């Protein structure tokens, strides 16, 4: 961890963190170092930008699982909001519709 937020490695991904003034941008890369998405975190909000916004391969879902666990355990956030992106991606990752955004309550 070079900044406030950590890098992650999963079985299929390298997830590199770049701190911003109010959060972090995680860049998702395959093991072959092909960039496939970014996940932005600011305040209590997450959003993503991906080559495949529907996340057919489950890369965003895999990264969100690791990132949300980090936000719950380390930052002790009571909830996070997902915005932008595809509804099915958020819902598959445990978020529910909350007005114009998606919300996931976190447990510690």
C-alpha atoms as a PDB file:
ATOM      1  CA  UNK A   1       0.000   0.000   0.000  1.00  0.00           C
ATOM      2  CA  UNK A   2       1.641   3.202  -1.159  1.00  0.00           C
ATOM      3  CA  UNK A   3      -1.195   5.605  -0.374  1.00  0.00           C
ATOM      4  CA  UNK A   4      -4.268   5.680   1.792  1.00  0.00           C
ATOM      5  CA  UNK A   5      -5.998   2.878  -0.133  1.00  0.00           C
ATOM      6  CA  UNK A   6      -4.523  -0.533  -0.981  1.00  0.00           C
ATOM      7  CA  UNK A   7      -3.877  -2.435  -4.177  1.00  0.00           C
ATOM      8  CA  UNK A   8      -5.515  -5.867  -4.381  1.00  0.00           C
ATOM      9  CA  UNK A   9      -4.793  -9.099  -6.219  1.00  0.00           C
ATOM     10  CA  UNK A  10      -7.396 -11.741  -6.925  1.00  0.00           C
ATOM     11  CA  UNK A  11      -7.148 -14.988  -8.815  1.00  0.00           C
ATOM     12  CA  UNK A  12      -7.899 -13.147 -12.083  1.00  0.00           C
ATOM     13  CA  UNK A  13      -7.139  -9.489 -11.436  1.00  0.00           C
ATOM     14  CA  UNK A  14      -4.552  -6.934 -10.466  1.00  0.00           C
ATOM     15  CA  UNK A  15      -6.384  -4.008  -8.864  1.00  0.00           C
ATOM     16  CA  UNK A  16      -4.145  -0.966  -8.514  1.00  0.00           C
ATOM     17  CA  UNK A  17      -5.076   1.995  -6.322  1.00  0.00           C
ATOM     18  CA  UNK A  18      -4.451   5.649  -7.072  1.00  0.00           C
ATOM     19  CA  UNK A  19      -5.459   8.035  -4.314  1.00  0.00           C
ATOM     20  CA  UNK A  20      -7.472  11.124  -5.170  1.00  0.00           C
ATOM     21  CA  UNK A  21      -8.114  14.140  -2.967  1.00  0.00           C
ATOM     22  CA  UNK A  22     -11.415  12.690  -1.786  1.00  0.00           C
ATOM     23  CA  UNK A  23     -11.063   8.957  -2.359  1.00  0.00           C
ATOM     24  CA  UNK A  24      -9.493   6.490  -4.748  1.00  0.00           C
ATOM     25  CA  UNK A  25      -9.549   5.135  -8.280  1.00  0.00           C
ATOM     26  CA  UNK A  26      -8.863   1.431  -8.622  1.00  0.00           C
ATOM     27  CA  UNK A  27      -7.733   0.223 -12.045  1.00  0.00           C
ATOM     28  CA  UNK A  28      -8.696  -3.354 -12.879  1.00  0.00           C
ATOM     29  CA  UNK A  29      -6.283  -5.300 -15.057  1.00  0.00           C
ATOM     30  CA  UNK A  30      -6.288  -8.937 -16.092  1.00  0.00           C
ATOM     31  CA  UNK A  31      -3.284 -11.075 -15.197  1.00  0.00           C
ATOM     32  CA  UNK A  32      -1.984 -10.247 -18.678  1.00  0.00           C
ATOM     33  CA  UNK A  33      -2.149  -6.539 -17.687  1.00  0.00           C
ATOM     34  CA  UNK A  34      -5.030  -5.655 -20.008  1.00  0.00           C
ATOM     35  CA  UNK A  35      -6.978  -2.790 -18.431  1.00  0.00           C
ATOM     36  CA  UNK A  36     -10.661  -3.647 -18.263  1.00  0.00           C
ATOM     37  CA  UNK A  37     -12.231  -1.113 -15.894  1.00  0.00           C
ATOM     38  CA  UNK A  38     -11.829   1.519 -13.220  1.00  0.00           C
ATOM     39  CA  UNK A  39     -13.793   1.783 -10.005  1.00  0.00           C
ATOM     40  CA  UNK A  40     -13.983   5.201  -8.392  1.00  0.00           C
ATOM     41  CA  UNK A  41     -14.591   5.754  -4.688  1.00  0.00           C
ATOM     42  CA  UNK A  42     -15.453   9.155  -3.261  1.00  0.00           C
ATOM     43  CA  UNK A  43     -17.066   9.771   0.111  1.00  0.00           C
ATOM     44  CA  UNK A  44     -19.397   6.802   0.340  1.00  0.00           C
ATOM     45  CA  UNK A  45     -20.029   6.505  -3.393  1.00  0.00           C
ATOM     46  CA  UNK A  46     -18.718   3.950  -5.863  1.00  0.00           C
ATOM     47  CA  UNK A  47     -18.976   4.109  -9.634  1.00  0.00           C
ATOM     48  CA  UNK A  48     -17.299   2.240 -12.431  1.00  0.00           C
ATOM     49  CA  UNK A  49     -16.256   2.700 -16.024  1.00  0.00           C
ATOM     50  CA  UNK A  50     -15.600  -0.485 -17.987  1.00  0.00           C
ATOM     51  CA  UNK A  51     -14.815  -1.764 -21.447  1.00  0.00           C
ATOM     52  CA  UNK A  52     -17.772  -4.153 -20.928  1.00  0.00           C
ATOM     53  CA  UNK A  53     -20.258  -2.236 -18.717  1.00  0.00           C
ATOM     54  CA  UNK A  54     -22.487  -5.324 -18.395  1.00  0.00           C
ATOM     55  CA  UNK A  55     -19.537  -7.203 -16.837  1.00  0.00           C
ATOM     56  CA  UNK A  56     -20.234 -10.511 -18.590  1.00  0.00           C
ATOM     57  CA  UNK A  57     -16.959 -11.972 -17.284  1.00  0.00           C
ATOM     58  CA  UNK A  58     -17.649 -10.875 -13.690  1.00  0.00           C
ATOM     59  CA  UNK A  59     -14.476  -8.794 -13.303  1.00  0.00           C
ATOM     60  CA  UNK A  60     -16.228  -5.754 -11.818  1.00  0.00           C
ATOM     61  CA  UNK A  61     -18.249  -7.976  -9.530  1.00  0.00           C
ATOM     62  CA  UNK A  62     -15.060  -9.708  -8.344  1.00  0.00           C
ATOM     63  CA  UNK A  63     -13.329  -6.374  -7.711  1.00  0.00           C
ATOM     64  CA  UNK A  64     -16.362  -4.892  -5.948  1.00  0.00           C
ATOM     65  CA  UNK A  65     -16.443  -7.874  -3.584  1.00  0.00           C
ATOM     66  CA  UNK A  66     -12.879  -7.165  -2.457  1.00  0.00           C
ATOM     67  CA  UNK A  67     -13.281  -3.371  -2.373  1.00  0.00           C
ATOM     68  CA  UNK A  68     -16.581  -3.423  -0.473  1.00  0.00           C
ATOM     69  CA  UNK A  69     -15.087  -5.795   2.119  1.00  0.00           C
ATOM     70  CA  UNK A  70     -12.183  -3.370   2.547  1.00  0.00           C
ATOM     71  CA  UNK A  71     -14.557  -0.403   2.944  1.00  0.00           C
ATOM     72  CA  UNK A  72     -16.592  -2.269   5.561  1.00  0.00           C
ATOM     73  CA  UNK A  73     -13.716  -3.704   7.604  1.00  0.00           C
ATOM     74  CA  UNK A  74     -11.090  -1.006   7.371  1.00  0.00           C
ATOM     75  CA  UNK A  75     -12.997   2.246   6.919  1.00  0.00           C
ATOM     76  CA  UNK A  76     -15.994   1.002   8.933  1.00  0.00           C
ATOM     77  CA  UNK A  77     -18.461   2.623   6.550  1.00  0.00           C
ATOM     78  CA  UNK A  78     -22.093   1.817   7.425  1.00  0.00           C
ATOM     79  CA  UNK A  79     -23.113   1.768   3.736  1.00  0.00           C
ATOM     80  CA  UNK A  80     -21.951   2.583   0.224  1.00  0.00           C
ATOM     81  CA  UNK A  81     -23.818   3.953  -2.749  1.00  0.00           C
ATOM     82  CA  UNK A  82     -23.339   2.663  -6.284  1.00  0.00           C
ATOM     83  CA  UNK A  83     -24.032   5.000  -9.144  1.00  0.00           C
ATOM     84  CA  UNK A  84     -23.710   4.843 -12.904  1.00  0.00           C
ATOM     85  CA  UNK A  85     -23.059   1.515 -14.560  1.00  0.00           C
ATOM     86  CA  UNK A  86     -25.523  -1.308 -15.087  1.00  0.00           C
ATOM     87  CA  UNK A  87     -28.217  -2.144 -12.531  1.00  0.00           C
ATOM     88  CA  UNK A  88     -27.581  -5.879 -12.857  1.00  0.00           C
ATOM     89  CA  UNK A  89     -23.921  -5.445 -11.912  1.00  0.00           C
ATOM     90  CA  UNK A  90     -24.816  -3.597  -8.708  1.00  0.00           C
ATOM     91  CA  UNK A  91     -27.642  -5.979  -7.812  1.00  0.00           C
ATOM     92  CA  UNK A  92     -25.463  -9.086  -8.392  1.00  0.00           C
ATOM     93  CA  UNK A  93     -23.061  -7.582  -5.864  1.00  0.00           C
ATOM     94  CA  UNK A  94     -25.632  -7.169  -3.094  1.00  0.00           C
ATOM     95  CA  UNK A  95     -26.756  -3.594  -3.753  1.00  0.00           C
ATOM     96  CA  UNK A  96     -30.447  -2.698  -3.839  1.00  0.00           C
ATOM     97  CA  UNK A  97     -32.259   0.082  -5.658  1.00  0.00           C
ATOM     98  CA  UNK A  98     -32.557   3.189  -3.496  1.00  0.00           C
ATOM     99  CA  UNK A  99     -34.152   5.895  -5.616  1.00  0.00           C
ATOM    100  CA  UNK A 100     -31.813   6.876  -8.453  1.00  0.00           C
ATOM    101  CA  UNK A 101     -28.809   4.993  -6.967  1.00  0.00           C
ATOM    102  CA  UNK A 102     -27.948   1.578  -5.555  1.00  0.00           C
ATOM    103  CA  UNK A 103     -27.198   1.094  -1.865  1.00  0.00           C
ATOM    104  CA  UNK A 104     -25.445  -1.624   0.054  1.00  0.00           C
ATOM    105  CA  UNK A 105     -25.485  -1.674   3.830  1.00  0.00           C
ATOM    106  CA  UNK A 106     -22.204  -2.903   5.278  1.00  0.00           C
ATOM    107  CA  UNK A 107     -21.602  -5.017   8.341  1.00  0.00           C
ATOM    108  CA  UNK A 108     -18.427  -4.966  10.368  1.00  0.00           C
END
